[in-house]
Amino acid sequence: MNIKARVAQVLFARPSEERFYKKVLLSPLYLLSLIYRFLVHSRQTLYSRGFLQSCALPCRVISIGNITLGGTGKTPTAIYLAQLFQAREMRTVVLSRGYKGTSSEKAAVVSDGKKILLDVREAGDEPFLLSQALPGVPVIIGKNRVVSGQRAIEQFSPEIVILDDGFQHIQLKRDVDIVLIDLHYGFGNGHLVPRGMLREPLSAMKRADIFLLTKRTGTREDQAVEEKIISLTAGAPTFFTHYEINGLTTLHDAQQTDLRTLQGKKVLALSGIGNPHYFSYLLRLNGLSVAEEVILPDHHNYTPQDVSMLGEYLDRVDCIVTTAKDSSKMDREMFKELPILTLEVMLKIQDEQGFKEALFKHIS
């Protein structure tokens, strides 16, 4: 297990999984988390009392975010919402941070809706994936969402702006805050970073307008997390989501492959995402035999060394299945000799009509 995986194991552990000796050893991190809590609270107080001002855009703003570290499904949710507004012929722009992208612009256009203008290394994997999935929807990256939001207004005149990972970006006013919570991890050990996985105290959930509980598996652990979340949501509409497999695509020539062709074959599950365990769970849920797993750090950039490493598994598996986020960073020529398939998934919301009614109530 690498260092990042060990750190994640500590951050994402539930309280019942932590032994006393581990709590003692990690007490210095707990002290740091108290300092972090003070800084978060001070910032929020400055905004709530008017010492710092939030900026408003002349359009509807929807934030998709979370209260924890790790992947909760923000990118698929952003795609779902953008397609929803597209279907209603509402001009939409997505704003993303561009994490690990190399672009030096304060607000860089990844896609103008007609053409993708930055490659995956310049844009970052998630904005690039958004641009691929959303033809017709501009995607802009920038750490300062006010700056990137203003560029969106000037260049594209949107009716709707979607903030991907925007819950903590309170310097930009929003009409609706959608908070996602991964049921597999819940709130981890309940501590703030760096002792735990919480970005903010659980009291911050009061700012949310709608909750999406993602990656539901129906286990007892899930049910305990569900009950705790519902007790903290202060009556805000809460909906459950899951993923459905939309198909498989070959990496080297982008050909569609039926999921049934993998029945009975040994699969290697390859992922560098926030919750790799759910990826393997989804494959098994759909009848695939996951014989091997390769879990890489989130936002991993693929290199020739990865080609060699994956090639060592080919005598034990029939094919490699990876995520759309991972395949977007794989050089087609470099990986052409490997039997890699990209899993295409789509977000499904239980009580979808109820979710839409809750959403449009805020932005009508």
Protein backbone atom coordinates (compact mmCIF):
# COMPACT_ATOMS: atom_id res chain seq x y z
CA MET A 1 0.00 0.00 0.00
CA ASN A 2 1.50 3.39 -1.02
CA ILE A 3 1.68 6.45 1.23
CA LYS A 4 -1.35 8.15 -0.34
CA ALA A 5 -3.44 5.02 0.15
CA ARG A 6 -2.42 4.83 3.82
CA VAL A 7 -3.32 8.50 4.34
CA ALA A 8 -6.71 7.92 2.70
CA GLN A 9 -7.28 4.90 4.95
CA VAL A 10 -6.79 7.12 8.01
CA LEU A 11 -8.92 10.02 6.72
CA PHE A 12 -11.81 7.90 5.46
CA ALA A 13 -11.99 5.49 8.41
CA ARG A 14 -15.23 5.50 10.35
CA PRO A 15 -15.00 6.20 14.12
CA SER A 16 -15.73 2.57 14.97
CA GLU A 17 -12.72 1.49 12.89
CA GLU A 18 -10.18 3.64 14.77
CA ARG A 19 -8.24 2.01 17.58
CA PHE A 20 -7.16 3.90 20.70
CA TYR A 21 -3.43 3.80 19.89
CA LYS A 22 -4.11 5.33 16.47
CA LYS A 23 -6.06 8.17 18.03
CA VAL A 24 -3.13 8.92 20.35
CA LEU A 25 -0.59 8.83 17.53
CA LEU A 26 -2.70 11.16 15.40
CA SER A 27 -3.40 13.70 18.14
CA PRO A 28 -0.99 16.27 16.57
CA LEU A 29 -3.15 16.21 13.43
CA TYR A 30 -6.19 16.78 15.61
CA LEU A 31 -4.62 19.96 16.99
CA LEU A 32 -3.97 21.14 13.42
CA SER A 33 -7.59 20.41 12.54
CA LEU A 34 -8.68 22.71 15.39
CA ILE A 35 -6.66 25.52 13.83
CA TYR A 36 -8.22 24.74 10.46
CA ARG A 37 -11.69 24.80 12.06
CA PHE A 38 -10.98 28.26 13.50
CA LEU A 39 -9.90 29.58 10.09
CA VAL A 40 -12.96 28.13 8.36
CA HIS A 41 -15.29 29.56 11.00
CA SER A 42 -13.60 32.98 10.85
CA ARG A 43 -13.95 33.15 7.08
CA GLN A 44 -17.60 32.18 7.20
CA THR A 45 -18.26 34.80 9.91
CA LEU A 46 -16.62 37.54 7.86
CA TYR A 47 -18.97 36.77 4.97
CA SER A 48 -22.11 36.31 7.07
CA ARG A 49 -21.57 39.63 8.88
CA GLY A 50 -20.79 41.58 5.74
CA PHE A 51 -17.08 42.28 6.30
CA LEU A 52 -16.41 40.31 3.11
CA GLN A 53 -18.83 40.66 0.20
CA SER A 54 -20.02 37.93 -2.15
CA CYS A 55 -20.29 38.80 -5.83
CA ALA A 56 -23.47 38.14 -7.82
CA LEU A 57 -23.63 37.26 -11.51
CA PRO A 58 -26.52 38.44 -13.73
CA CYS A 59 -27.74 34.85 -14.23
CA ARG A 60 -28.76 31.81 -12.22
CA VAL A 61 -25.87 30.12 -10.41
CA ILE A 62 -25.97 26.48 -9.28
CA SER A 63 -23.24 25.07 -7.06
CA ILE A 64 -22.40 21.37 -6.96
CA GLY A 65 -20.11 20.54 -4.07
CA ASN A 66 -19.36 18.42 -1.06
CA ILE A 67 -18.36 18.79 2.56
CA THR A 68 -15.66 16.09 2.41
CA LEU A 69 -12.47 15.30 0.55
CA GLY A 70 -12.56 12.66 -2.14
CA GLY A 71 -14.83 11.87 -5.03
CA THR A 72 -18.56 12.09 -4.43
CA GLY A 73 -19.72 12.24 -8.06
CA LYS A 74 -19.59 15.98 -8.76
CA THR A 75 -18.50 15.64 -12.40
CA PRO A 76 -21.30 13.22 -13.44
CA THR A 77 -23.76 15.49 -11.61
CA ALA A 78 -22.47 18.55 -13.48
CA ILE A 79 -22.91 16.65 -16.75
CA TYR A 80 -26.44 15.61 -15.77
CA LEU A 81 -27.46 19.19 -14.90
CA ALA A 82 -25.88 20.73 -17.99
CA GLN A 83 -27.70 18.23 -20.22
CA LEU A 84 -30.93 18.93 -18.34
CA PHE A 85 -30.64 22.67 -19.05
CA GLN A 86 -29.55 22.02 -22.63
CA ALA A 87 -32.72 20.02 -23.20
CA ARG A 88 -34.67 23.09 -22.05
CA GLU A 89 -32.65 25.31 -24.41
CA MET A 90 -31.11 27.30 -21.56
CA ARG A 91 -27.66 28.73 -22.29
CA THR A 92 -25.33 27.04 -19.81
CA VAL A 93 -21.67 27.39 -18.82
CA VAL A 94 -19.72 25.14 -16.44
CA LEU A 95 -17.03 26.63 -14.19
CA SER A 96 -14.37 24.32 -12.78
CA ARG A 97 -11.19 24.87 -10.83
CA GLY A 98 -8.98 22.97 -13.29
CA TYR A 99 -7.19 21.01 -10.58
CA LYS A 100 -3.68 19.94 -11.69
CA GLY A 101 -4.13 21.71 -15.04
CA THR A 102 -1.06 23.59 -16.28
CA SER A 103 -2.87 26.60 -17.76
CA SER A 104 -1.60 29.86 -16.24
CA GLU A 105 -4.63 31.96 -17.21
CA LYS A 106 -6.83 33.27 -14.40
CA ALA A 107 -9.88 32.18 -16.42
CA ALA A 108 -9.15 29.85 -19.33
CA VAL A 109 -11.74 28.56 -21.79
CA VAL A 110 -11.37 24.79 -22.10
CA SER A 111 -14.27 24.53 -24.53
CA ASP A 112 -16.30 27.25 -26.22
CA GLY A 113 -19.12 24.77 -26.82
CA LYS A 114 -18.01 24.21 -30.40
CA LYS A 115 -14.41 23.17 -30.01
CA ILE A 116 -12.14 21.94 -27.21
CA LEU A 117 -9.37 24.53 -26.96
CA LEU A 118 -7.10 23.05 -24.27
CA ASP A 119 -5.71 19.55 -23.94
CA VAL A 120 -6.13 17.41 -20.82
CA ARG A 121 -2.82 18.48 -19.26
CA GLU A 122 -3.59 22.18 -19.68
CA ALA A 123 -7.19 21.89 -18.52
CA GLY A 124 -7.02 19.18 -15.87
CA ASP A 125 -8.77 15.82 -16.22
CA GLU A 126 -12.24 16.72 -14.95
CA PRO A 127 -12.75 19.94 -17.02
CA PHE A 128 -11.47 18.08 -20.09
CA LEU A 129 -13.91 15.25 -19.42
CA LEU A 130 -16.74 17.79 -19.01
CA SER A 131 -15.81 19.33 -22.37
CA GLN A 132 -15.87 15.94 -24.06
CA ALA A 133 -19.22 15.00 -22.54
CA LEU A 134 -20.94 18.36 -23.14
CA PRO A 135 -20.80 19.52 -26.76
CA GLY A 136 -22.55 22.87 -26.94
CA VAL A 137 -21.69 23.83 -23.34
CA PRO A 138 -18.67 26.10 -22.69
CA VAL A 139 -16.33 25.05 -19.89
CA ILE A 140 -14.09 27.58 -18.12
CA ILE A 141 -11.39 26.89 -15.53
CA GLY A 142 -9.94 29.15 -12.85
CA LYS A 143 -9.30 29.10 -9.10
CA ASN A 144 -11.26 32.34 -8.61
CA ARG A 145 -14.85 31.58 -9.58
CA VAL A 146 -15.78 35.26 -9.59
CA VAL A 147 -13.18 35.96 -12.30
CA SER A 148 -14.13 32.90 -14.37
CA GLY A 149 -17.83 33.68 -13.85
CA GLN A 150 -17.34 37.20 -15.17
CA ARG A 151 -15.55 35.84 -18.23
CA ALA A 152 -18.45 33.47 -18.81
CA ILE A 153 -20.88 36.42 -18.75
CA GLU A 154 -18.76 38.54 -21.09
CA GLN A 155 -18.06 35.81 -23.63
CA PHE A 156 -21.11 33.52 -23.57
CA SER A 157 -24.03 35.40 -21.90
CA PRO A 158 -25.31 32.31 -20.05
CA GLU A 159 -28.67 31.94 -18.36
CA ILE A 160 -27.23 29.24 -16.07
CA VAL A 161 -23.75 28.91 -14.56
CA ILE A 162 -22.84 25.59 -12.91
CA LEU A 163 -20.05 25.65 -10.30
CA ASP A 164 -18.31 22.29 -10.27
CA ASP A 165 -17.01 21.79 -6.70
CA GLY A 166 -18.34 25.14 -5.54
CA PHE A 167 -19.76 24.67 -2.03
CA GLN A 168 -16.79 26.34 -0.30
CA HIS A 169 -16.53 29.17 -2.89
CA ILE A 170 -18.87 31.50 -1.03
CA GLN A 171 -17.33 34.60 -2.61
CA LEU A 172 -19.70 33.93 -5.52
CA LYS A 173 -23.42 34.08 -4.73
CA ARG A 174 -25.53 31.16 -5.86
CA ASP A 175 -29.24 30.46 -6.25
CA VAL A 176 -29.01 26.84 -5.16
CA ASP A 177 -26.39 24.78 -3.33
CA ILE A 178 -26.44 21.06 -4.13
CA VAL A 179 -24.30 19.02 -1.74
CA LEU A 180 -23.21 15.47 -2.57
CA ILE A 181 -22.36 12.90 0.09
CA ASP A 182 -20.71 9.56 -0.73
CA LEU A 183 -22.57 6.88 1.23
CA HIS A 184 -19.58 4.54 1.05
CA TYR A 185 -17.38 6.87 3.11
CA GLY A 186 -19.96 9.10 4.78
CA PHE A 187 -18.11 11.64 6.91
CA GLY A 188 -15.12 9.37 7.59
CA ASN A 189 -13.90 9.68 11.17
CA GLY A 190 -15.87 12.91 11.69
CA HIS A 191 -12.81 15.15 11.97
CA LEU A 192 -11.79 18.12 9.85
CA VAL A 193 -8.65 18.00 7.71
CA PRO A 194 -5.87 17.11 8.26
CA ARG A 195 -7.11 14.72 10.98
CA GLY A 196 -10.11 13.66 8.94
CA MET A 197 -11.83 14.15 5.60
CA LEU A 198 -14.23 17.02 6.43
CA ARG A 199 -13.64 20.29 4.60
CA GLU A 200 -16.03 22.10 6.94
CA PRO A 201 -17.85 21.30 10.19
CA LEU A 202 -21.08 19.38 9.70
CA SER A 203 -22.98 22.53 10.74
CA ALA A 204 -22.08 23.96 7.30
CA MET A 205 -24.63 21.59 5.80
CA LYS A 206 -27.28 24.12 6.85
CA ARG A 207 -26.21 26.21 3.84
CA ALA A 208 -27.26 23.47 1.42
CA ASP A 209 -30.57 23.58 -0.43
CA ILE A 210 -30.59 20.05 -1.89
CA PHE A 211 -28.69 16.89 -0.93
CA LEU A 212 -27.73 14.06 -3.25
CA LEU A 213 -26.63 10.86 -1.50
CA THR A 214 -24.42 9.07 -4.00
CA LYS A 215 -23.22 5.50 -4.59
CA ARG A 216 -25.91 3.78 -2.59
CA THR A 217 -25.29 0.05 -2.14
CA GLY A 218 -27.97 -0.86 0.43
CA THR A 219 -25.58 -2.17 3.09
CA ARG A 220 -26.04 -1.67 6.84
CA GLU A 221 -23.13 0.78 6.83
CA ASP A 222 -24.92 2.85 4.17
CA GLN A 223 -28.13 2.88 6.18
CA ALA A 224 -26.35 4.21 9.29
CA VAL A 225 -24.79 7.03 7.23
CA GLU A 226 -28.15 7.79 5.60
CA GLU A 227 -29.84 8.17 8.99
CA LYS A 228 -27.14 10.52 10.25
CA ILE A 229 -27.23 12.64 7.11
CA ILE A 230 -31.01 12.97 7.16
CA SER A 231 -30.83 14.04 10.82
CA LEU A 232 -28.46 16.86 9.80
CA THR A 233 -30.14 18.11 6.64
CA ALA A 234 -32.62 20.40 8.43
CA GLY A 235 -35.50 19.32 6.20
CA ALA A 236 -33.73 20.06 2.90
CA PRO A 237 -34.87 17.82 0.00
CA THR A 238 -32.71 14.69 -0.08
CA PHE A 239 -32.39 12.31 -3.03
CA PHE A 240 -30.48 9.11 -3.71
CA THR A 241 -28.38 8.50 -6.80
CA HIS A 242 -26.56 5.62 -8.40
CA TYR A 243 -24.73 4.94 -11.66
CA GLU A 244 -25.87 2.83 -14.56
CA ILE A 245 -23.45 1.52 -17.15
CA ASN A 246 -24.08 3.20 -20.49
CA GLY A 247 -21.61 1.10 -22.45
CA LEU A 248 -17.98 0.25 -23.06
CA THR A 249 -15.64 1.88 -25.58
CA THR A 250 -12.32 0.54 -26.82
CA LEU A 251 -9.49 2.94 -26.03
CA HIS A 252 -7.50 2.61 -29.26
CA ASP A 253 -10.31 3.10 -31.80
CA ALA A 254 -13.35 4.32 -29.78
CA GLN A 255 -15.56 1.42 -30.85
CA GLN A 256 -18.63 0.59 -28.77
CA THR A 257 -18.58 -2.83 -27.11
CA ASP A 258 -21.48 -4.63 -25.49
CA LEU A 259 -21.08 -5.35 -21.78
CA ARG A 260 -22.23 -8.93 -22.42
CA THR A 261 -19.02 -9.65 -24.37
CA LEU A 262 -17.11 -9.52 -21.08
CA GLN A 263 -19.27 -12.08 -19.32
CA GLY A 264 -17.05 -14.92 -18.10
CA LYS A 265 -13.82 -13.04 -18.81
CA LYS A 266 -11.26 -11.96 -16.24
CA VAL A 267 -11.14 -8.20 -15.88
CA LEU A 268 -8.57 -5.83 -14.40
CA ALA A 269 -10.27 -2.80 -12.82
CA LEU A 270 -8.00 0.23 -13.32
CA SER A 271 -8.82 3.56 -11.69
CA GLY A 272 -7.28 6.76 -10.39
CA ILE A 273 -10.38 8.39 -8.92
CA GLY A 274 -11.72 9.55 -5.56
CA ASN A 275 -13.58 6.32 -4.76
CA PRO A 276 -11.99 3.39 -6.63
CA HIS A 277 -13.79 0.78 -4.53
CA TYR A 278 -17.17 1.82 -5.91
CA PHE A 279 -15.82 1.43 -9.46
CA SER A 280 -14.95 -2.21 -8.79
CA TYR A 281 -18.28 -2.69 -7.00
CA LEU A 282 -20.13 -1.36 -10.07
CA LEU A 283 -18.31 -3.78 -12.37
CA ARG A 284 -19.13 -6.74 -10.13
CA LEU A 285 -22.73 -5.56 -9.75
CA ASN A 286 -23.09 -5.85 -13.53
CA GLY A 287 -21.76 -9.40 -13.63
CA LEU A 288 -18.10 -8.84 -14.47
CA SER A 289 -15.39 -10.96 -12.90
CA VAL A 290 -12.86 -8.52 -11.40
CA ALA A 291 -9.76 -10.69 -11.10
CA GLU A 292 -7.30 -7.85 -10.42
CA GLU A 293 -7.46 -4.24 -9.25
CA VAL A 294 -4.94 -1.45 -9.89
CA ILE A 295 -5.72 1.62 -7.80
CA LEU A 296 -3.76 4.78 -8.57
CA PRO A 297 -3.89 8.20 -6.88
CA ASP A 298 -6.75 10.51 -7.85
CA HIS A 299 -5.88 12.68 -10.91
CA HIS A 300 -2.99 10.33 -11.81
CA ASN A 301 -1.16 11.23 -15.04
CA TYR A 302 -0.35 8.16 -17.12
CA THR A 303 3.21 7.48 -18.32
CA PRO A 304 5.12 4.79 -20.26
CA GLN A 305 5.93 3.17 -16.90
CA ASP A 306 2.19 2.55 -16.44
CA VAL A 307 2.10 0.77 -19.81
CA SER A 308 4.85 -1.59 -18.66
CA MET A 309 3.20 -2.13 -15.28
CA LEU A 310 -0.19 -2.97 -16.81
CA GLY A 311 1.41 -5.25 -19.38
CA GLU A 312 2.58 -7.51 -16.54
CA TYR A 313 -1.06 -8.39 -15.78
CA LEU A 314 -1.96 -9.59 -19.28
CA ASP A 315 -1.13 -13.22 -18.55
CA ARG A 316 -3.74 -13.17 -15.76
CA VAL A 317 -6.58 -11.10 -17.25
CA ASP A 318 -8.41 -10.88 -20.56
CA CYS A 319 -8.90 -7.11 -20.61
CA ILE A 320 -8.53 -3.87 -18.66
CA VAL A 321 -11.56 -1.73 -17.81
CA THR A 322 -11.02 1.86 -16.71
CA THR A 323 -13.00 5.04 -16.10
CA ALA A 324 -13.68 7.85 -18.56
CA LYS A 325 -11.66 10.18 -16.34
CA ASP A 326 -8.64 7.86 -16.55
CA SER A 327 -8.89 7.14 -20.26
CA SER A 328 -9.00 10.88 -21.04
CA LYS A 329 -5.36 11.04 -19.85
CA MET A 330 -4.09 8.00 -21.76
CA ASP A 331 -2.11 8.65 -24.92
CA ARG A 332 -3.78 6.43 -27.57
CA GLU A 333 -0.52 5.63 -29.34
CA MET A 334 1.28 4.84 -26.09
CA PHE A 335 -1.43 2.46 -24.84
CA LYS A 336 -2.47 0.95 -28.19
CA GLU A 337 -1.09 -2.53 -27.43
CA LEU A 338 -3.15 -2.92 -24.25
CA PRO A 339 -6.76 -4.25 -24.35
CA ILE A 340 -8.26 -1.26 -22.53
CA LEU A 341 -11.98 -0.52 -22.41
CA THR A 342 -13.52 2.68 -21.06
CA LEU A 343 -16.61 2.30 -18.90
CA GLU A 344 -19.27 4.86 -19.77
CA VAL A 345 -21.71 5.56 -16.92
CA MET A 346 -24.71 7.79 -16.44
CA LEU A 347 -26.11 9.30 -13.25
CA LYS A 348 -29.53 8.12 -12.19
CA ILE A 349 -31.55 9.96 -9.53
CA GLN A 350 -34.30 8.18 -7.66
CA ASP A 351 -37.42 10.34 -7.70
CA GLU A 352 -35.98 12.32 -10.58
CA GLN A 353 -39.18 14.31 -10.97
CA GLY A 354 -39.04 15.36 -7.32
CA PHE A 355 -35.43 16.45 -7.77
CA LYS A 356 -36.29 18.56 -10.82
CA GLU A 357 -39.17 20.21 -8.99
CA ALA A 358 -36.88 21.06 -6.05
CA LEU A 359 -34.22 22.41 -8.38
CA PHE A 360 -36.45 24.59 -10.53
CA LYS A 361 -38.21 25.92 -7.45
CA HIS A 362 -34.95 27.66 -6.57
CA ILE A 363 -34.16 28.98 -10.06
CA SER A 364 -37.58 29.73 -11.44
